[in-house]
Amino acid sequence: MPTRVKVARDYYPAASSDRNAVRKLRADILRCRELYEKLLKSNPHFDKCKHITYREQRMIWDYLGEPDG
């Protein structure tokens, strides 16, 4: 399973730290209300998990687009 940090780093490779990359990705997810609701529906503890499922990763890609890197 991919980690939240790996997915965030794929989207924000130039972020100053892993924590900042995760924060930016989380902000993007929260801005996309429909995506956030679907992620919570699939996993009510989505906000607290270090790992995400491949299905959740695919949902993020579907809504935010695949990362460039």
PDB file of N, CA and C in Angstrom:
ATOM      1  N   MET A   1       0.828  -1.183   0.000  1.00  0.00           N
ATOM      2  CA  MET A   1       0.000   0.000   0.000  1.00  0.00           C
ATOM      3  C   MET A   1       0.874   1.249   0.000  1.00  0.00           C
ATOM      4  N   PRO A   2       0.483   2.240  -0.737  1.00  0.00           N
ATOM      5  CA  PRO A   2       1.268   3.479  -0.737  1.00  0.00           C
ATOM      6  C   PRO A   2       1.054   4.252   0.567  1.00  0.00           C
ATOM      7  N   THR A   3       2.062   4.993   0.961  1.00  0.00           N
ATOM      8  CA  THR A   3       1.917   5.835   2.147  1.00  0.00           C
ATOM      9  C   THR A   3       1.378   7.192   1.712  1.00  0.00           C
ATOM     10  N   ARG A   4       0.804   7.865   2.662  1.00  0.00           N
ATOM     11  CA  ARG A   4       0.292   9.217   2.400  1.00  0.00           C
ATOM     12  C   ARG A   4       1.446  10.131   1.973  1.00  0.00           C
ATOM     13  N   VAL A   5       2.619   9.944   2.573  1.00  0.00           N
ATOM     14  CA  VAL A   5       3.778  10.772   2.247  1.00  0.00           C
ATOM     15  C   VAL A   5       4.215  10.544   0.802  1.00  0.00           C
ATOM     16  N   LYS A   6       4.243   9.291   0.359  1.00  0.00           N
ATOM     17  CA  LYS A   6       4.672   9.009  -1.009  1.00  0.00           C
ATOM     18  C   LYS A   6       3.734   9.654  -2.022  1.00  0.00           C
ATOM     19  N   VAL A   7       2.436   9.535  -1.784  1.00  0.00           N
ATOM     20  CA  VAL A   7       1.458  10.138  -2.697  1.00  0.00           C
ATOM     21  C   VAL A   7       1.615  11.658  -2.681  1.00  0.00           C
ATOM     22  N   ALA A   8       1.775  12.238  -1.496  1.00  0.00           N
ATOM     23  CA  ALA A   8       1.946  13.692  -1.392  1.00  0.00           C
ATOM     24  C   ALA A   8       3.220  14.143  -2.096  1.00  0.00           C
ATOM     25  N   ARG A   9       4.294  13.381  -1.956  1.00  0.00           N
ATOM     26  CA  ARG A   9       5.557  13.730  -2.620  1.00  0.00           C
ATOM     27  C   ARG A   9       5.447  13.614  -4.143  1.00  0.00           C
ATOM     28  N   ASP A  10       4.623  12.697  -4.616  1.00  0.00           N
ATOM     29  CA  ASP A  10       4.386  12.602  -6.059  1.00  0.00           C
ATOM     30  C   ASP A  10       3.756  13.892  -6.588  1.00  0.00           C
ATOM     31  N   TYR A  11       2.855  14.474  -5.801  1.00  0.00           N
ATOM     32  CA  TYR A  11       2.195  15.716  -6.211  1.00  0.00           C
ATOM     33  C   TYR A  11       3.064  16.942  -5.941  1.00  0.00           C
ATOM     34  N   TYR A  12       3.812  16.923  -4.852  1.00  0.00           N
ATOM     35  CA  TYR A  12       4.600  18.092  -4.448  1.00  0.00           C
ATOM     36  C   TYR A  12       6.060  17.707  -4.187  1.00  0.00           C
ATOM     37  N   PRO A  13       6.808  17.376  -5.243  1.00  0.00           N
ATOM     38  CA  PRO A  13       8.205  16.957  -5.044  1.00  0.00           C
ATOM     39  C   PRO A  13       9.098  18.090  -4.531  1.00  0.00           C
ATOM     40  N   ALA A  14       8.714  19.331  -4.771  1.00  0.00           N
ATOM     41  CA  ALA A  14       9.547  20.460  -4.355  1.00  0.00           C
ATOM     42  C   ALA A  14       9.194  20.971  -2.958  1.00  0.00           C
ATOM     43  N   ALA A  15       8.265  20.337  -2.277  1.00  0.00           N
ATOM     44  CA  ALA A  15       7.902  20.770  -0.929  1.00  0.00           C
ATOM     45  C   ALA A  15       9.127  20.683  -0.019  1.00  0.00           C
ATOM     46  N   SER A  16       9.205  21.598   0.935  1.00  0.00           N
ATOM     47  CA  SER A  16      10.392  21.664   1.794  1.00  0.00           C
ATOM     48  C   SER A  16      10.521  20.475   2.743  1.00  0.00           C
ATOM     49  N   SER A  17       9.409  19.795   3.024  1.00  0.00           N
ATOM     50  CA  SER A  17       9.466  18.611   3.892  1.00  0.00           C
ATOM     51  C   SER A  17       8.308  17.680   3.546  1.00  0.00           C
ATOM     52  N   ASP A  18       8.403  16.451   4.041  1.00  0.00           N
ATOM     53  CA  ASP A  18       7.303  15.502   3.834  1.00  0.00           C
ATOM     54  C   ASP A  18       6.019  16.032   4.454  1.00  0.00           C
ATOM     55  N   ARG A  19       6.153  16.612   5.621  1.00  0.00           N
ATOM     56  CA  ARG A  19       4.980  17.146   6.326  1.00  0.00           C
ATOM     57  C   ARG A  19       4.278  18.234   5.508  1.00  0.00           C
ATOM     58  N   ASN A  20       5.050  19.117   4.896  1.00  0.00           N
ATOM     59  CA  ASN A  20       4.451  20.170   4.072  1.00  0.00           C
ATOM     60  C   ASN A  20       3.774  19.598   2.836  1.00  0.00           C
ATOM     61  N   ALA A  21       4.370  18.579   2.251  1.00  0.00           N
ATOM     62  CA  ALA A  21       3.760  17.937   1.085  1.00  0.00           C
ATOM     63  C   ALA A  21       2.411  17.322   1.468  1.00  0.00           C
ATOM     64  N   VAL A  22       2.367  16.649   2.615  1.00  0.00           N
ATOM     65  CA  VAL A  22       1.111  16.039   3.076  1.00  0.00           C
ATOM     66  C   VAL A  22       0.072  17.119   3.361  1.00  0.00           C
ATOM     67  N   ARG A  23       0.491  18.208   3.969  1.00  0.00           N
ATOM     68  CA  ARG A  23      -0.439  19.319   4.249  1.00  0.00           C
ATOM     69  C   ARG A  23      -1.042  19.879   2.959  1.00  0.00           C
ATOM     70  N   LYS A  24      -0.201  20.056   1.955  1.00  0.00           N
ATOM     71  CA  LYS A  24      -0.696  20.598   0.678  1.00  0.00           C
ATOM     72  C   LYS A  24      -1.677  19.636   0.011  1.00  0.00           C
ATOM     73  N   LEU A  25      -1.349  18.348   0.032  1.00  0.00           N
ATOM     74  CA  LEU A  25      -2.258  17.365  -0.555  1.00  0.00           C
ATOM     75  C   LEU A  25      -3.570  17.337   0.210  1.00  0.00           C
ATOM     76  N   ARG A  26      -3.502  17.369   1.524  1.00  0.00           N
ATOM     77  CA  ARG A  26      -4.722  17.364   2.344  1.00  0.00           C
ATOM     78  C   ARG A  26      -5.580  18.586   2.036  1.00  0.00           C
ATOM     79  N   ALA A  27      -4.958  19.744   1.867  1.00  0.00           N
ATOM     80  CA  ALA A  27      -5.698  20.962   1.529  1.00  0.00           C
ATOM     81  C   ALA A  27      -6.392  20.799   0.178  1.00  0.00           C
ATOM     82  N   ASP A  28      -5.710  20.200  -0.783  1.00  0.00           N
ATOM     83  CA  ASP A  28      -6.325  19.957  -2.096  1.00  0.00           C
ATOM     84  C   ASP A  28      -7.530  19.032  -1.964  1.00  0.00           C
ATOM     85  N   ILE A  29      -7.382  17.986  -1.155  1.00  0.00           N
ATOM     86  CA  ILE A  29      -8.475  17.030  -0.964  1.00  0.00           C
ATOM     87  C   ILE A  29      -9.659  17.705  -0.282  1.00  0.00           C
ATOM     88  N   LEU A  30      -9.404  18.523   0.724  1.00  0.00           N
ATOM     89  CA  LEU A  30     -10.490  19.212   1.430  1.00  0.00           C
ATOM     90  C   LEU A  30     -11.212  20.219   0.535  1.00  0.00           C
ATOM     91  N   ARG A  31     -10.472  20.832  -0.387  1.00  0.00           N
ATOM     92  CA  ARG A  31     -11.106  21.774  -1.325  1.00  0.00           C
ATOM     93  C   ARG A  31     -12.065  21.062  -2.271  1.00  0.00           C
ATOM     94  N   CYS A  32     -11.752  19.829  -2.586  1.00  0.00           N
ATOM     95  CA  CYS A  32     -12.613  19.036  -3.467  1.00  0.00           C
ATOM     96  C   CYS A  32     -13.569  18.240  -2.576  1.00  0.00           C
ATOM     97  N   ARG A  33     -14.662  18.869  -2.207  1.00  0.00           N
ATOM     98  CA  ARG A  33     -15.601  18.324  -1.225  1.00  0.00           C
ATOM     99  C   ARG A  33     -16.096  16.924  -1.589  1.00  0.00           C
ATOM    100  N   GLU A  34     -16.427  16.734  -2.863  1.00  0.00           N
ATOM    101  CA  GLU A  34     -16.944  15.435  -3.312  1.00  0.00           C
ATOM    102  C   GLU A  34     -15.906  14.328  -3.098  1.00  0.00           C
ATOM    103  N   LEU A  35     -14.654  14.620  -3.419  1.00  0.00           N
ATOM    104  CA  LEU A  35     -13.575  13.651  -3.210  1.00  0.00           C
ATOM    105  C   LEU A  35     -13.441  13.333  -1.729  1.00  0.00           C
ATOM    106  N   TYR A  36     -13.409  14.345  -0.892  1.00  0.00           N
ATOM    107  CA  TYR A  36     -13.246  14.139   0.544  1.00  0.00           C
ATOM    108  C   TYR A  36     -14.374  13.281   1.111  1.00  0.00           C
ATOM    109  N   GLU A  37     -15.594  13.548   0.689  1.00  0.00           N
ATOM    110  CA  GLU A  37     -16.734  12.757   1.163  1.00  0.00           C
ATOM    111  C   GLU A  37     -16.628  11.299   0.718  1.00  0.00           C
ATOM    112  N   LYS A  38     -16.184  11.075  -0.515  1.00  0.00           N
ATOM    113  CA  LYS A  38     -16.022   9.698  -1.002  1.00  0.00           C
ATOM    114  C   LYS A  38     -14.915   8.969  -0.248  1.00  0.00           C
ATOM    115  N   LEU A  39     -13.829   9.665   0.036  1.00  0.00           N
ATOM    116  CA  LEU A  39     -12.735   9.048   0.781  1.00  0.00           C
ATOM    117  C   LEU A  39     -13.178   8.674   2.197  1.00  0.00           C
ATOM    118  N   LEU A  40     -13.939   9.547   2.833  1.00  0.00           N
ATOM    119  CA  LEU A  40     -14.438   9.243   4.173  1.00  0.00           C
ATOM    120  C   LEU A  40     -15.466   8.125   4.150  1.00  0.00           C
ATOM    121  N   LYS A  41     -16.240   8.058   3.076  1.00  0.00           N
ATOM    122  CA  LYS A  41     -17.224   6.984   2.964  1.00  0.00           C
ATOM    123  C   LYS A  41     -16.527   5.628   2.809  1.00  0.00           C
ATOM    124  N   SER A  42     -15.444   5.600   2.049  1.00  0.00           N
ATOM    125  CA  SER A  42     -14.724   4.341   1.848  1.00  0.00           C
ATOM    126  C   SER A  42     -13.906   3.957   3.083  1.00  0.00           C
ATOM    127  N   ASN A  43     -13.459   4.959   3.847  1.00  0.00           N
ATOM    128  CA  ASN A  43     -12.672   4.704   5.055  1.00  0.00           C
ATOM    129  C   ASN A  43     -12.934   5.840   6.044  1.00  0.00           C
ATOM    130  N   PRO A  44     -13.788   5.621   7.046  1.00  0.00           N
ATOM    131  CA  PRO A  44     -14.113   6.688   8.003  1.00  0.00           C
ATOM    132  C   PRO A  44     -12.898   7.251   8.746  1.00  0.00           C
ATOM    133  N   HIS A  45     -11.786   6.506   8.779  1.00  0.00           N
ATOM    134  CA  HIS A  45     -10.575   6.959   9.465  1.00  0.00           C
ATOM    135  C   HIS A  45      -9.526   7.469   8.484  1.00  0.00           C
ATOM    136  N   PHE A  46      -9.950   7.878   7.304  1.00  0.00           N
ATOM    137  CA  PHE A  46      -9.019   8.310   6.258  1.00  0.00           C
ATOM    138  C   PHE A  46      -8.053   9.389   6.763  1.00  0.00           C
ATOM    139  N   ASP A  47      -8.550  10.335   7.551  1.00  0.00           N
ATOM    140  CA  ASP A  47      -7.701  11.440   8.023  1.00  0.00           C
ATOM    141  C   ASP A  47      -6.577  10.984   8.943  1.00  0.00           C
ATOM    142  N   LYS A  48      -6.738   9.850   9.581  1.00  0.00           N
ATOM    143  CA  LYS A  48      -5.776   9.399  10.585  1.00  0.00           C
ATOM    144  C   LYS A  48      -4.791   8.342  10.073  1.00  0.00           C
ATOM    145  N   CYS A  49      -5.028   7.796   8.908  1.00  0.00           N
ATOM    146  CA  CYS A  49      -4.219   6.683   8.395  1.00  0.00           C
ATOM    147  C   CYS A  49      -2.910   7.155   7.764  1.00  0.00           C
ATOM    148  N   LYS A  50      -1.840   6.379   7.998  1.00  0.00           N
ATOM    149  CA  LYS A  50      -0.557   6.664   7.350  1.00  0.00           C
ATOM    150  C   LYS A  50      -0.520   6.081   5.944  1.00  0.00           C
ATOM    151  N   HIS A  51      -1.209   4.964   5.755  1.00  0.00           N
ATOM    152  CA  HIS A  51      -1.256   4.313   4.446  1.00  0.00           C
ATOM    153  C   HIS A  51      -2.631   4.535   3.829  1.00  0.00           C
ATOM    154  N   ILE A  52      -2.650   4.578   2.519  1.00  0.00           N
ATOM    155  CA  ILE A  52      -3.925   4.654   1.815  1.00  0.00           C
ATOM    156  C   ILE A  52      -4.021   3.457   0.882  1.00  0.00           C
ATOM    157  N   THR A  53      -5.225   3.087   0.563  1.00  0.00           N
ATOM    158  CA  THR A  53      -5.406   1.944  -0.333  1.00  0.00           C
ATOM    159  C   THR A  53      -5.191   2.392  -1.771  1.00  0.00           C
ATOM    160  N   TYR A  54      -4.987   1.414  -2.631  1.00  0.00           N
ATOM    161  CA  TYR A  54      -4.837   1.740  -4.048  1.00  0.00           C
ATOM    162  C   TYR A  54      -6.130   2.347  -4.596  1.00  0.00           C
ATOM    163  N   ARG A  55      -7.250   1.913  -4.059  1.00  0.00           N
ATOM    164  CA  ARG A  55      -8.539   2.475  -4.487  1.00  0.00           C
ATOM    165  C   ARG A  55      -8.637   3.956  -4.109  1.00  0.00           C
ATOM    166  N   GLU A  56      -8.197   4.293  -2.897  1.00  0.00           N
ATOM    167  CA  GLU A  56      -8.205   5.699  -2.475  1.00  0.00           C
ATOM    168  C   GLU A  56      -7.239   6.522  -3.316  1.00  0.00           C
ATOM    169  N   GLN A  57      -6.092   5.929  -3.631  1.00  0.00           N
ATOM    170  CA  GLN A  57      -5.125   6.619  -4.480  1.00  0.00           C
ATOM    171  C   GLN A  57      -5.739   6.888  -5.862  1.00  0.00           C
ATOM    172  N   ARG A  58      -6.447   5.916  -6.405  1.00  0.00           N
ATOM    173  CA  ARG A  58      -7.090   6.081  -7.706  1.00  0.00           C
ATOM    174  C   ARG A  58      -8.148   7.182  -7.648  1.00  0.00           C
ATOM    175  N   MET A  59      -8.905   7.248  -6.537  1.00  0.00           N
ATOM    176  CA  MET A  59      -9.906   8.313  -6.381  1.00  0.00           C
ATOM    177  C   MET A  59      -9.234   9.681  -6.390  1.00  0.00           C
ATOM    178  N   ILE A  60      -8.109   9.787  -5.691  1.00  0.00           N
ATOM    179  CA  ILE A  60      -7.379  11.058  -5.659  1.00  0.00           C
ATOM    180  C   ILE A  60      -6.918  11.424  -7.064  1.00  0.00           C
ATOM    181  N   TRP A  61      -6.374  10.456  -7.784  1.00  0.00           N
ATOM    182  CA  TRP A  61      -5.943  10.715  -9.162  1.00  0.00           C
ATOM    183  C   TRP A  61      -7.115  11.128 -10.040  1.00  0.00           C
ATOM    184  N   ASP A  62      -8.261  10.479  -9.872  1.00  0.00           N
ATOM    185  CA  ASP A  62      -9.426  10.798 -10.698  1.00  0.00           C
ATOM    186  C   ASP A  62      -9.896  12.232 -10.495  1.00  0.00           C
ATOM    187  N   TYR A  63      -9.839  12.704  -9.270  1.00  0.00           N
ATOM    188  CA  TYR A  63     -10.322  14.045  -8.979  1.00  0.00           C
ATOM    189  C   TYR A  63      -9.259  15.127  -9.146  1.00  0.00           C
ATOM    190  N   LEU A  64      -8.029  14.826  -8.767  1.00  0.00           N
ATOM    191  CA  LEU A  64      -6.968  15.852  -8.815  1.00  0.00           C
ATOM    192  C   LEU A  64      -6.056  15.697 -10.021  1.00  0.00           C
ATOM    193  N   GLY A  65      -6.213  14.617 -10.763  1.00  0.00           N
ATOM    194  CA  GLY A  65      -5.328  14.355 -11.889  1.00  0.00           C
ATOM    195  C   GLY A  65      -4.111  13.590 -11.414  1.00  0.00           C
ATOM    196  N   GLU A  66      -3.505  12.843 -12.313  1.00  0.00           N
ATOM    197  CA  GLU A  66      -2.311  12.076 -11.946  1.00  0.00           C
ATOM    198  C   GLU A  66      -1.141  13.035 -11.774  1.00  0.00           C
ATOM    199  N   PRO A  67      -0.268  12.749 -10.812  1.00  0.00           N
ATOM    200  CA  PRO A  67       0.888  13.630 -10.596  1.00  0.00           C
ATOM    201  C   PRO A  67       1.828  13.604 -11.811  1.00  0.00           C
ATOM    202  N   ASP A  68       2.547  14.697 -11.984  1.00  0.00           N
ATOM    203  CA  ASP A  68       3.458  14.820 -13.136  1.00  0.00           C
ATOM    204  C   ASP A  68       4.653  13.895 -13.022  1.00  0.00           C
ATOM    205  N   GLY A  69       5.139  13.689 -11.811  1.00  0.00           N
ATOM    206  CA  GLY A  69       6.369  12.927 -11.600  1.00  0.00           C
ATOM    207  C   GLY A  69       6.133  11.501 -11.679  1.00  0.00           C
TER     208      GLY A  69
END
